[in-house]
Amino acid sequence: MNYKVSDIKGKGGGKEIVLCGTFTFRDHDTFFEIISLIKSGAEKKIVFNMAECSFVDSAACGLLAIAHDEAASRHVDLIIRGVKGQVRDMLLALRFDTLYKFEE
């Protein structure tokens, strides 16, 4: 998995993190770079844009759950945007729509 971070323009600001490619167990260390951004508390809104993410496994879902827990403890709003295909199926099967706000 590759990712890129950009500022969200407009009211409220925040960061958008675009996740690209396959997101699996081997991306553990990379994703903890993203967790560090959440832990910093500098942002109150973070959007995971997963439109370019083609596959997630159960370990990736676990990492997303850790991100949710970190964000909740710091009152950071997390949003998942652009999920489709296998990624959408997996996240909905695991009821991630109850943890995250989903946007098209």
PDB file of N, CA and C in Angstrom:
ATOM      1  N   MET A   1       0.833  -1.171   0.000  1.00  0.00           N
ATOM      2  CA  MET A   1       0.000   0.000   0.000  1.00  0.00           C
ATOM      3  C   MET A   1       0.882   1.239   0.000  1.00  0.00           C
ATOM      4  N   ASN A   2       0.489   2.176  -0.795  1.00  0.00           N
ATOM      5  CA  ASN A   2       1.087   3.501  -0.767  1.00  0.00           C
ATOM      6  C   ASN A   2       0.038   4.455  -0.229  1.00  0.00           C
ATOM      7  N   TYR A   3       0.496   5.583   0.304  1.00  0.00           N
ATOM      8  CA  TYR A   3      -0.461   6.589   0.747  1.00  0.00           C
ATOM      9  C   TYR A   3       0.125   7.970   0.527  1.00  0.00           C
ATOM     10  N   LYS A   4      -0.785   8.936   0.426  1.00  0.00           N
ATOM     11  CA  LYS A   4      -0.365  10.327   0.353  1.00  0.00           C
ATOM     12  C   LYS A   4      -1.307  11.153   1.211  1.00  0.00           C
ATOM     13  N   VAL A   5      -0.754  12.162   1.848  1.00  0.00           N
ATOM     14  CA  VAL A   5      -1.504  13.011   2.771  1.00  0.00           C
ATOM     15  C   VAL A   5      -1.587  14.407   2.186  1.00  0.00           C
ATOM     16  N   SER A   6      -2.782  14.987   2.260  1.00  0.00           N
ATOM     17  CA  SER A   6      -2.947  16.367   1.809  1.00  0.00           C
ATOM     18  C   SER A   6      -3.903  17.083   2.758  1.00  0.00           C
ATOM     19  N   ASP A   7      -3.826  18.398   2.736  1.00  0.00           N
ATOM     20  CA  ASP A   7      -4.724  19.221   3.546  1.00  0.00           C
ATOM     21  C   ASP A   7      -6.097  19.276   2.901  1.00  0.00           C
ATOM     22  N   ILE A   8      -7.124  19.292   3.728  1.00  0.00           N
ATOM     23  CA  ILE A   8      -8.487  19.486   3.248  1.00  0.00           C
ATOM     24  C   ILE A   8      -8.738  20.986   3.244  1.00  0.00           C
ATOM     25  N   LYS A   9      -9.093  21.507   2.106  1.00  0.00           N
ATOM     26  CA  LYS A   9      -9.363  22.939   1.978  1.00  0.00           C
ATOM     27  C   LYS A   9     -10.773  23.245   2.471  1.00  0.00           C
ATOM     28  N   GLY A  10     -10.961  24.452   2.933  1.00  0.00           N
ATOM     29  CA  GLY A  10     -12.305  24.884   3.306  1.00  0.00           C
ATOM     30  C   GLY A  10     -12.583  24.778   4.788  1.00  0.00           C
ATOM     31  N   LYS A  11     -13.850  24.929   5.109  1.00  0.00           N
ATOM     32  CA  LYS A  11     -14.305  24.968   6.491  1.00  0.00           C
ATOM     33  C   LYS A  11     -13.939  23.689   7.241  1.00  0.00           C
ATOM     34  N   GLY A  12     -13.347  23.856   8.381  1.00  0.00           N
ATOM     35  CA  GLY A  12     -13.012  22.719   9.234  1.00  0.00           C
ATOM     36  C   GLY A  12     -11.647  22.124   8.985  1.00  0.00           C
ATOM     37  N   GLY A  13     -11.156  22.223   7.765  1.00  0.00           N
ATOM     38  CA  GLY A  13      -9.830  21.711   7.443  1.00  0.00           C
ATOM     39  C   GLY A  13      -9.685  20.230   7.702  1.00  0.00           C
ATOM     40  N   GLY A  14      -8.506  19.846   8.136  1.00  0.00           N
ATOM     41  CA  GLY A  14      -8.199  18.448   8.396  1.00  0.00           C
ATOM     42  C   GLY A  14      -7.230  17.894   7.365  1.00  0.00           C
ATOM     43  N   LYS A  15      -7.103  16.588   7.363  1.00  0.00           N
ATOM     44  CA  LYS A  15      -6.209  15.895   6.438  1.00  0.00           C
ATOM     45  C   LYS A  15      -6.974  14.824   5.676  1.00  0.00           C
ATOM     46  N   GLU A  16      -6.614  14.669   4.417  1.00  0.00           N
ATOM     47  CA  GLU A  16      -7.115  13.562   3.613  1.00  0.00           C
ATOM     48  C   GLU A  16      -5.937  12.635   3.362  1.00  0.00           C
ATOM     49  N   ILE A  17      -6.156  11.352   3.631  1.00  0.00           N
ATOM     50  CA  ILE A  17      -5.127  10.344   3.414  1.00  0.00           C
ATOM     51  C   ILE A  17      -5.645   9.407   2.328  1.00  0.00           C
ATOM     52  N   VAL A  18      -4.979   9.417   1.185  1.00  0.00           N
ATOM     53  CA  VAL A  18      -5.365   8.569   0.063  1.00  0.00           C
ATOM     54  C   VAL A  18      -4.575   7.273   0.169  1.00  0.00           C
ATOM     55  N   LEU A  19      -5.308   6.158   0.303  1.00  0.00           N
ATOM     56  CA  LEU A  19      -4.685   4.835   0.370  1.00  0.00           C
ATOM     57  C   LEU A  19      -4.769   4.204  -1.014  1.00  0.00           C
ATOM     58  N   CYS A  20      -3.635   3.706  -1.521  1.00  0.00           N
ATOM     59  CA  CYS A  20      -3.572   3.180  -2.887  1.00  0.00           C
ATOM     60  C   CYS A  20      -3.077   1.732  -2.888  1.00  0.00           C
ATOM     61  N   GLY A  21      -3.656   0.931  -3.787  1.00  0.00           N
ATOM     62  CA  GLY A  21      -3.184  -0.433  -3.977  1.00  0.00           C
ATOM     63  C   GLY A  21      -3.814  -1.405  -3.003  1.00  0.00           C
ATOM     64  N   THR A  22      -3.073  -2.435  -2.647  1.00  0.00           N
ATOM     65  CA  THR A  22      -3.572  -3.440  -1.711  1.00  0.00           C
ATOM     66  C   THR A  22      -3.106  -3.092  -0.301  1.00  0.00           C
ATOM     67  N   PHE A  23      -4.001  -3.265   0.657  1.00  0.00           N
ATOM     68  CA  PHE A  23      -3.753  -2.923   2.056  1.00  0.00           C
ATOM     69  C   PHE A  23      -3.833  -4.227   2.841  1.00  0.00           C
ATOM     70  N   THR A  24      -2.665  -4.724   3.285  1.00  0.00           N
ATOM     71  CA  THR A  24      -2.590  -6.034   3.929  1.00  0.00           C
ATOM     72  C   THR A  24      -1.724  -5.975   5.185  1.00  0.00           C
ATOM     73  N   PHE A  25      -1.538  -7.129   5.796  1.00  0.00           N
ATOM     74  CA  PHE A  25      -0.723  -7.237   7.001  1.00  0.00           C
ATOM     75  C   PHE A  25       0.668  -6.628   6.810  1.00  0.00           C
ATOM     76  N   ARG A  26       1.240  -6.797   5.651  1.00  0.00           N
ATOM     77  CA  ARG A  26       2.606  -6.298   5.439  1.00  0.00           C
ATOM     78  C   ARG A  26       2.700  -4.769   5.471  1.00  0.00           C
ATOM     79  N   ASP A  27       1.556  -4.087   5.499  1.00  0.00           N
ATOM     80  CA  ASP A  27       1.531  -2.621   5.563  1.00  0.00           C
ATOM     81  C   ASP A  27       1.427  -2.101   6.990  1.00  0.00           C
ATOM     82  N   HIS A  28       1.603  -2.992   7.947  1.00  0.00           N
ATOM     83  CA  HIS A  28       1.498  -2.646   9.369  1.00  0.00           C
ATOM     84  C   HIS A  28       2.355  -1.438   9.728  1.00  0.00           C
ATOM     85  N   ASP A  29       3.646  -1.490   9.434  1.00  0.00           N
ATOM     86  CA  ASP A  29       4.554  -0.398   9.796  1.00  0.00           C
ATOM     87  C   ASP A  29       4.184   0.903   9.081  1.00  0.00           C
ATOM     88  N   THR A  30       3.842   0.798   7.824  1.00  0.00           N
ATOM     89  CA  THR A  30       3.448   1.981   7.056  1.00  0.00           C
ATOM     90  C   THR A  30       2.207   2.618   7.657  1.00  0.00           C
ATOM     91  N   PHE A  31       1.223   1.800   8.017  1.00  0.00           N
ATOM     92  CA  PHE A  31      -0.016   2.360   8.556  1.00  0.00           C
ATOM     93  C   PHE A  31       0.211   3.007   9.913  1.00  0.00           C
ATOM     94  N   PHE A  32       1.188   2.524  10.670  1.00  0.00           N
ATOM     95  CA  PHE A  32       1.452   3.163  11.958  1.00  0.00           C
ATOM     96  C   PHE A  32       2.047   4.557  11.797  1.00  0.00           C
ATOM     97  N   GLU A  33       2.568   4.895  10.628  1.00  0.00           N
ATOM     98  CA  GLU A  33       2.923   6.285  10.339  1.00  0.00           C
ATOM     99  C   GLU A  33       1.655   7.143  10.327  1.00  0.00           C
ATOM    100  N   ILE A  34       0.588   6.601   9.777  1.00  0.00           N
ATOM    101  CA  ILE A  34      -0.699   7.295   9.741  1.00  0.00           C
ATOM    102  C   ILE A  34      -1.278   7.391  11.152  1.00  0.00           C
ATOM    103  N   ILE A  35      -1.165   6.319  11.925  1.00  0.00           N
ATOM    104  CA  ILE A  35      -1.643   6.341  13.316  1.00  0.00           C
ATOM    105  C   ILE A  35      -0.930   7.444  14.094  1.00  0.00           C
ATOM    106  N   SER A  36       0.349   7.662  13.808  1.00  0.00           N
ATOM    107  CA  SER A  36       1.105   8.726  14.491  1.00  0.00           C
ATOM    108  C   SER A  36       0.486  10.097  14.216  1.00  0.00           C
ATOM    109  N   LEU A  37      -0.012  10.305  13.005  1.00  0.00           N
ATOM    110  CA  LEU A  37      -0.685  11.556  12.667  1.00  0.00           C
ATOM    111  C   LEU A  37      -1.932  11.726  13.540  1.00  0.00           C
ATOM    112  N   ILE A  38      -2.675  10.653  13.727  1.00  0.00           N
ATOM    113  CA  ILE A  38      -3.865  10.721  14.579  1.00  0.00           C
ATOM    114  C   ILE A  38      -3.469  10.989  16.027  1.00  0.00           C
ATOM    115  N   LYS A  39      -2.445  10.280  16.498  1.00  0.00           N
ATOM    116  CA  LYS A  39      -1.995  10.446  17.881  1.00  0.00           C
ATOM    117  C   LYS A  39      -1.488  11.854  18.172  1.00  0.00           C
ATOM    118  N   SER A  40      -0.986  12.543  17.166  1.00  0.00           N
ATOM    119  CA  SER A  40      -0.460  13.892  17.385  1.00  0.00           C
ATOM    120  C   SER A  40      -1.555  14.848  17.853  1.00  0.00           C
ATOM    121  N   GLY A  41      -2.806  14.538  17.493  1.00  0.00           N
ATOM    122  CA  GLY A  41      -3.916  15.386  17.913  1.00  0.00           C
ATOM    123  C   GLY A  41      -3.988  16.714  17.194  1.00  0.00           C
ATOM    124  N   ALA A  42      -3.130  16.907  16.191  1.00  0.00           N
ATOM    125  CA  ALA A  42      -3.090  18.180  15.482  1.00  0.00           C
ATOM    126  C   ALA A  42      -4.309  18.385  14.583  1.00  0.00           C
ATOM    127  N   GLU A  43      -4.931  17.299  14.156  1.00  0.00           N
ATOM    128  CA  GLU A  43      -6.083  17.381  13.249  1.00  0.00           C
ATOM    129  C   GLU A  43      -7.337  16.901  13.961  1.00  0.00           C
ATOM    130  N   LYS A  44      -8.443  17.543  13.691  1.00  0.00           N
ATOM    131  CA  LYS A  44      -9.723  17.130  14.270  1.00  0.00           C
ATOM    132  C   LYS A  44     -10.589  16.381  13.272  1.00  0.00           C
ATOM    133  N   LYS A  45     -10.118  16.290  12.014  1.00  0.00           N
ATOM    134  CA  LYS A  45     -10.845  15.548  10.993  1.00  0.00           C
ATOM    135  C   LYS A  45      -9.830  14.885  10.070  1.00  0.00           C
ATOM    136  N   ILE A  46     -10.012  13.587   9.860  1.00  0.00           N
ATOM    137  CA  ILE A  46      -9.159  12.844   8.942  1.00  0.00           C
ATOM    138  C   ILE A  46     -10.057  12.006   8.045  1.00  0.00           C
ATOM    139  N   VAL A  47      -9.820  12.124   6.742  1.00  0.00           N
ATOM    140  CA  VAL A  47     -10.573  11.365   5.753  1.00  0.00           C
ATOM    141  C   VAL A  47      -9.651  10.324   5.140  1.00  0.00           C
ATOM    142  N   PHE A  48     -10.053   9.054   5.232  1.00  0.00           N
ATOM    143  CA  PHE A  48      -9.359   7.990   4.519  1.00  0.00           C
ATOM    144  C   PHE A  48     -10.038   7.853   3.164  1.00  0.00           C
ATOM    145  N   ASN A  49      -9.368   8.296   2.106  1.00  0.00           N
ATOM    146  CA  ASN A  49      -9.898   8.153   0.757  1.00  0.00           C
ATOM    147  C   ASN A  49      -9.394   6.819   0.222  1.00  0.00           C
ATOM    148  N   MET A  50     -10.325   5.882   0.038  1.00  0.00           N
ATOM    149  CA  MET A  50      -9.949   4.532  -0.360  1.00  0.00           C
ATOM    150  C   MET A  50     -10.377   4.205  -1.780  1.00  0.00           C
ATOM    151  N   ALA A  51     -10.636   5.243  -2.582  1.00  0.00           N
ATOM    152  CA  ALA A  51     -11.070   5.034  -3.967  1.00  0.00           C
ATOM    153  C   ALA A  51     -10.010   4.308  -4.787  1.00  0.00           C
ATOM    154  N   GLU A  52      -8.743   4.460  -4.430  1.00  0.00           N
ATOM    155  CA  GLU A  52      -7.660   3.817  -5.164  1.00  0.00           C
ATOM    156  C   GLU A  52      -7.145   2.552  -4.476  1.00  0.00           C
ATOM    157  N   CYS A  53      -7.838   2.133  -3.443  1.00  0.00           N
ATOM    158  CA  CYS A  53      -7.475   0.914  -2.711  1.00  0.00           C
ATOM    159  C   CYS A  53      -8.266  -0.243  -3.307  1.00  0.00           C
ATOM    160  N   SER A  54      -7.577  -1.259  -3.785  1.00  0.00           N
ATOM    161  CA  SER A  54      -8.239  -2.346  -4.504  1.00  0.00           C
ATOM    162  C   SER A  54      -8.496  -3.600  -3.668  1.00  0.00           C
ATOM    163  N   PHE A  55      -7.857  -3.714  -2.505  1.00  0.00           N
ATOM    164  CA  PHE A  55      -7.995  -4.923  -1.694  1.00  0.00           C
ATOM    165  C   PHE A  55      -7.614  -4.621  -0.258  1.00  0.00           C
ATOM    166  N   VAL A  56      -8.378  -5.162   0.692  1.00  0.00           N
ATOM    167  CA  VAL A  56      -8.001  -5.143   2.107  1.00  0.00           C
ATOM    168  C   VAL A  56      -8.155  -6.552   2.659  1.00  0.00           C
ATOM    169  N   ASP A  57      -7.275  -6.906   3.594  1.00  0.00           N
ATOM    170  CA  ASP A  57      -7.430  -8.188   4.278  1.00  0.00           C
ATOM    171  C   ASP A  57      -7.852  -7.916   5.721  1.00  0.00           C
ATOM    172  N   SER A  58      -8.005  -8.977   6.499  1.00  0.00           N
ATOM    173  CA  SER A  58      -8.485  -8.815   7.872  1.00  0.00           C
ATOM    174  C   SER A  58      -7.497  -8.028   8.733  1.00  0.00           C
ATOM    175  N   ALA A  59      -6.212  -8.162   8.471  1.00  0.00           N
ATOM    176  CA  ALA A  59      -5.219  -7.397   9.230  1.00  0.00           C
ATOM    177  C   ALA A  59      -5.369  -5.907   8.957  1.00  0.00           C
ATOM    178  N   ALA A  60      -5.627  -5.538   7.706  1.00  0.00           N
ATOM    179  CA  ALA A  60      -5.845  -4.132   7.367  1.00  0.00           C
ATOM    180  C   ALA A  60      -7.077  -3.598   8.087  1.00  0.00           C
ATOM    181  N   CYS A  61      -8.108  -4.417   8.164  1.00  0.00           N
ATOM    182  CA  CYS A  61      -9.315  -4.002   8.887  1.00  0.00           C
ATOM    183  C   CYS A  61      -9.003  -3.804  10.370  1.00  0.00           C
ATOM    184  N   GLY A  62      -8.155  -4.654  10.914  1.00  0.00           N
ATOM    185  CA  GLY A  62      -7.719  -4.482  12.300  1.00  0.00           C
ATOM    186  C   GLY A  62      -6.984  -3.170  12.499  1.00  0.00           C
ATOM    187  N   LEU A  63      -6.154  -2.804  11.534  1.00  0.00           N
ATOM    188  CA  LEU A  63      -5.436  -1.532  11.611  1.00  0.00           C
ATOM    189  C   LEU A  63      -6.402  -0.353  11.529  1.00  0.00           C
ATOM    190  N   LEU A  64      -7.420  -0.466  10.694  1.00  0.00           N
ATOM    191  CA  LEU A  64      -8.437   0.583  10.629  1.00  0.00           C
ATOM    192  C   LEU A  64      -9.196   0.689  11.953  1.00  0.00           C
ATOM    193  N   ALA A  65      -9.421  -0.444  12.614  1.00  0.00           N
ATOM    194  CA  ALA A  65     -10.078  -0.426  13.919  1.00  0.00           C
ATOM    195  C   ALA A  65      -9.196   0.257  14.966  1.00  0.00           C
ATOM    196  N   ILE A  66      -7.891   0.012  14.910  1.00  0.00           N
ATOM    197  CA  ILE A  66      -6.957   0.691  15.814  1.00  0.00           C
ATOM    198  C   ILE A  66      -6.991   2.198  15.559  1.00  0.00           C
ATOM    199  N   ALA A  67      -7.026   2.595  14.288  1.00  0.00           N
ATOM    200  CA  ALA A  67      -7.112   4.023  13.946  1.00  0.00           C
ATOM    201  C   ALA A  67      -8.379   4.628  14.542  1.00  0.00           C
ATOM    202  N   HIS A  68      -9.485   3.895  14.443  1.00  0.00           N
ATOM    203  CA  HIS A  68     -10.747   4.381  15.022  1.00  0.00           C
ATOM    204  C   HIS A  68     -10.609   4.601  16.523  1.00  0.00           C
ATOM    205  N   ASP A  69     -10.035   3.629  17.233  1.00  0.00           N
ATOM    206  CA  ASP A  69      -9.880   3.744  18.680  1.00  0.00           C
ATOM    207  C   ASP A  69      -9.003   4.925  19.062  1.00  0.00           C
ATOM    208  N   GLU A  70      -7.904   5.102  18.352  1.00  0.00           N
ATOM    209  CA  GLU A  70      -7.014   6.237  18.617  1.00  0.00           C
ATOM    210  C   GLU A  70      -7.735   7.560  18.373  1.00  0.00           C
ATOM    211  N   ALA A  71      -8.485   7.626  17.277  1.00  0.00           N
ATOM    212  CA  ALA A  71      -9.208   8.851  16.942  1.00  0.00           C
ATOM    213  C   ALA A  71     -10.297   9.154  17.972  1.00  0.00           C
ATOM    214  N   ALA A  72     -11.024   8.128  18.371  1.00  0.00           N
ATOM    215  CA  ALA A  72     -12.102   8.331  19.343  1.00  0.00           C
ATOM    216  C   ALA A  72     -11.560   8.863  20.664  1.00  0.00           C
ATOM    217  N   SER A  73     -10.409   8.368  21.079  1.00  0.00           N
ATOM    218  CA  SER A  73      -9.842   8.816  22.361  1.00  0.00           C
ATOM    219  C   SER A  73      -9.316  10.252  22.284  1.00  0.00           C
ATOM    220  N   ARG A  74      -9.133  10.759  21.071  1.00  0.00           N
ATOM    221  CA  ARG A  74      -8.631  12.129  20.878  1.00  0.00           C
ATOM    222  C   ARG A  74      -9.678  13.051  20.244  1.00  0.00           C
ATOM    223  N   HIS A  75     -10.907  12.559  20.147  1.00  0.00           N
ATOM    224  CA  HIS A  75     -12.032  13.325  19.575  1.00  0.00           C
ATOM    225  C   HIS A  75     -11.739  13.796  18.156  1.00  0.00           C
ATOM    226  N   VAL A  76     -11.173  12.903  17.359  1.00  0.00           N
ATOM    227  CA  VAL A  76     -10.892  13.160  15.948  1.00  0.00           C
ATOM    228  C   VAL A  76     -11.975  12.469  15.119  1.00  0.00           C
ATOM    229  N   ASP A  77     -12.587  13.209  14.193  1.00  0.00           N
ATOM    230  CA  ASP A  77     -13.575  12.621  13.295  1.00  0.00           C
ATOM    231  C   ASP A  77     -12.855  11.878  12.182  1.00  0.00           C
ATOM    232  N   LEU A  78     -13.192  10.599  11.997  1.00  0.00           N
ATOM    233  CA  LEU A  78     -12.636   9.799  10.909  1.00  0.00           C
ATOM    234  C   LEU A  78     -13.739   9.478   9.912  1.00  0.00           C
ATOM    235  N   ILE A  79     -13.423   9.645   8.657  1.00  0.00           N
ATOM    236  CA  ILE A  79     -14.374   9.382   7.578  1.00  0.00           C
ATOM    237  C   ILE A  79     -13.694   8.484   6.566  1.00  0.00           C
ATOM    238  N   ILE A  80     -14.433   7.523   6.030  1.00  0.00           N
ATOM    239  CA  ILE A  80     -13.937   6.696   4.933  1.00  0.00           C
ATOM    240  C   ILE A  80     -14.683   7.116   3.681  1.00  0.00           C
ATOM    241  N   ARG A  81     -13.928   7.430   2.642  1.00  0.00           N
ATOM    242  CA  ARG A  81     -14.516   7.927   1.396  1.00  0.00           C
ATOM    243  C   ARG A  81     -14.116   7.028   0.227  1.00  0.00           C
ATOM    244  N   GLY A  82     -15.059   6.837  -0.691  1.00  0.00           N
ATOM    245  CA  GLY A  82     -14.754   6.234  -1.981  1.00  0.00           C
ATOM    246  C   GLY A  82     -14.537   4.739  -2.020  1.00  0.00           C
ATOM    247  N   VAL A  83     -15.034   4.004  -1.010  1.00  0.00           N
ATOM    248  CA  VAL A  83     -14.816   2.555  -1.045  1.00  0.00           C
ATOM    249  C   VAL A  83     -15.686   1.912  -2.120  1.00  0.00           C
ATOM    250  N   LYS A  84     -15.117   0.872  -2.740  1.00  0.00           N
ATOM    251  CA  LYS A  84     -15.848   0.147  -3.785  1.00  0.00           C
ATOM    252  C   LYS A  84     -15.332  -1.277  -3.853  1.00  0.00           C
ATOM    253  N   GLY A  85     -16.069  -2.121  -4.545  1.00  0.00           N
ATOM    254  CA  GLY A  85     -15.640  -3.493  -4.797  1.00  0.00           C
ATOM    255  C   GLY A  85     -15.383  -4.291  -3.538  1.00  0.00           C
ATOM    256  N   GLN A  86     -14.303  -5.052  -3.556  1.00  0.00           N
ATOM    257  CA  GLN A  86     -13.946  -5.936  -2.445  1.00  0.00           C
ATOM    258  C   GLN A  86     -13.746  -5.159  -1.158  1.00  0.00           C
ATOM    259  N   VAL A  87     -13.177  -3.970  -1.254  1.00  0.00           N
ATOM    260  CA  VAL A  87     -12.918  -3.152  -0.061  1.00  0.00           C
ATOM    261  C   VAL A  87     -14.248  -2.804   0.613  1.00  0.00           C
ATOM    262  N   ARG A  88     -15.204  -2.345  -0.171  1.00  0.00           N
ATOM    263  CA  ARG A  88     -16.526  -2.007   0.373  1.00  0.00           C
ATOM    264  C   ARG A  88     -17.192  -3.243   0.975  1.00  0.00           C
ATOM    265  N   ASP A  89     -17.157  -4.351   0.254  1.00  0.00           N
ATOM    266  CA  ASP A  89     -17.772  -5.584   0.741  1.00  0.00           C
ATOM    267  C   ASP A  89     -17.183  -6.005   2.085  1.00  0.00           C
ATOM    268  N   MET A  90     -15.866  -5.956   2.191  1.00  0.00           N
ATOM    269  CA  MET A  90     -15.192  -6.370   3.426  1.00  0.00           C
ATOM    270  C   MET A  90     -15.547  -5.431   4.583  1.00  0.00           C
ATOM    271  N   LEU A  91     -15.465  -4.132   4.351  1.00  0.00           N
ATOM    272  CA  LEU A  91     -15.748  -3.184   5.432  1.00  0.00           C
ATOM    273  C   LEU A  91     -17.200  -3.262   5.886  1.00  0.00           C
ATOM    274  N   LEU A  92     -18.117  -3.439   4.960  1.00  0.00           N
ATOM    275  CA  LEU A  92     -19.525  -3.557   5.343  1.00  0.00           C
ATOM    276  C   LEU A  92     -19.807  -4.887   6.042  1.00  0.00           C
ATOM    277  N   ALA A  93     -19.157  -5.959   5.597  1.00  0.00           N
ATOM    278  CA  ALA A  93     -19.341  -7.258   6.247  1.00  0.00           C
ATOM    279  C   ALA A  93     -18.878  -7.213   7.706  1.00  0.00           C
ATOM    280  N   LEU A  94     -17.858  -6.425   7.954  1.00  0.00           N
ATOM    281  CA  LEU A  94     -17.326  -6.290   9.317  1.00  0.00           C
ATOM    282  C   LEU A  94     -17.980  -5.147  10.086  1.00  0.00           C
ATOM    283  N   ARG A  95     -19.004  -4.556   9.504  1.00  0.00           N
ATOM    284  CA  ARG A  95     -19.803  -3.497  10.132  1.00  0.00           C
ATOM    285  C   ARG A  95     -19.006  -2.224  10.435  1.00  0.00           C
ATOM    286  N   PHE A  96     -18.055  -1.919   9.592  1.00  0.00           N
ATOM    287  CA  PHE A  96     -17.279  -0.702   9.770  1.00  0.00           C
ATOM    288  C   PHE A  96     -18.128   0.544   9.579  1.00  0.00           C
ATOM    289  N   ASP A  97     -19.292   0.393   8.965  1.00  0.00           N
ATOM    290  CA  ASP A  97     -20.188   1.531   8.828  1.00  0.00           C
ATOM    291  C   ASP A  97     -20.739   1.971  10.186  1.00  0.00           C
ATOM    292  N   THR A  98     -20.567   1.144  11.224  1.00  0.00           N
ATOM    293  CA  THR A  98     -20.968   1.549  12.576  1.00  0.00           C
ATOM    294  C   THR A  98     -19.834   2.280  13.294  1.00  0.00           C
ATOM    295  N   LEU A  99     -18.605   2.130  12.806  1.00  0.00           N
ATOM    296  CA  LEU A  99     -17.460   2.809  13.411  1.00  0.00           C
ATOM    297  C   LEU A  99     -17.128   4.124  12.708  1.00  0.00           C
ATOM    298  N   TYR A 100     -17.258   4.113  11.392  1.00  0.00           N
ATOM    299  CA  TYR A 100     -16.869   5.235  10.566  1.00  0.00           C
ATOM    300  C   TYR A 100     -18.062   5.817   9.821  1.00  0.00           C
ATOM    301  N   LYS A 101     -17.963   7.091   9.522  1.00  0.00           N
ATOM    302  CA  LYS A 101     -18.909   7.678   8.587  1.00  0.00           C
ATOM    303  C   LYS A 101     -18.377   7.362   7.182  1.00  0.00           C
ATOM    304  N   PHE A 102     -19.231   6.839   6.313  1.00  0.00           N
ATOM    305  CA  PHE A 102     -18.855   6.528   4.938  1.00  0.00           C
ATOM    306  C   PHE A 102     -19.367   7.647   4.030  1.00  0.00           C
ATOM    307  N   GLU A 103     -18.528   8.067   3.095  1.00  0.00           N
ATOM    308  CA  GLU A 103     -18.917   9.031   2.069  1.00  0.00           C
ATOM    309  C   GLU A 103     -18.604   8.435   0.706  1.00  0.00           C
ATOM    310  N   GLU A 104     -19.431   8.788  -0.269  1.00  0.00           N
ATOM    311  CA  GLU A 104     -19.199   8.323  -1.640  1.00  0.00           C
ATOM    312  C   GLU A 104     -18.125   9.124  -2.239  1.00  0.00           C
TER     313      GLU A 104
END
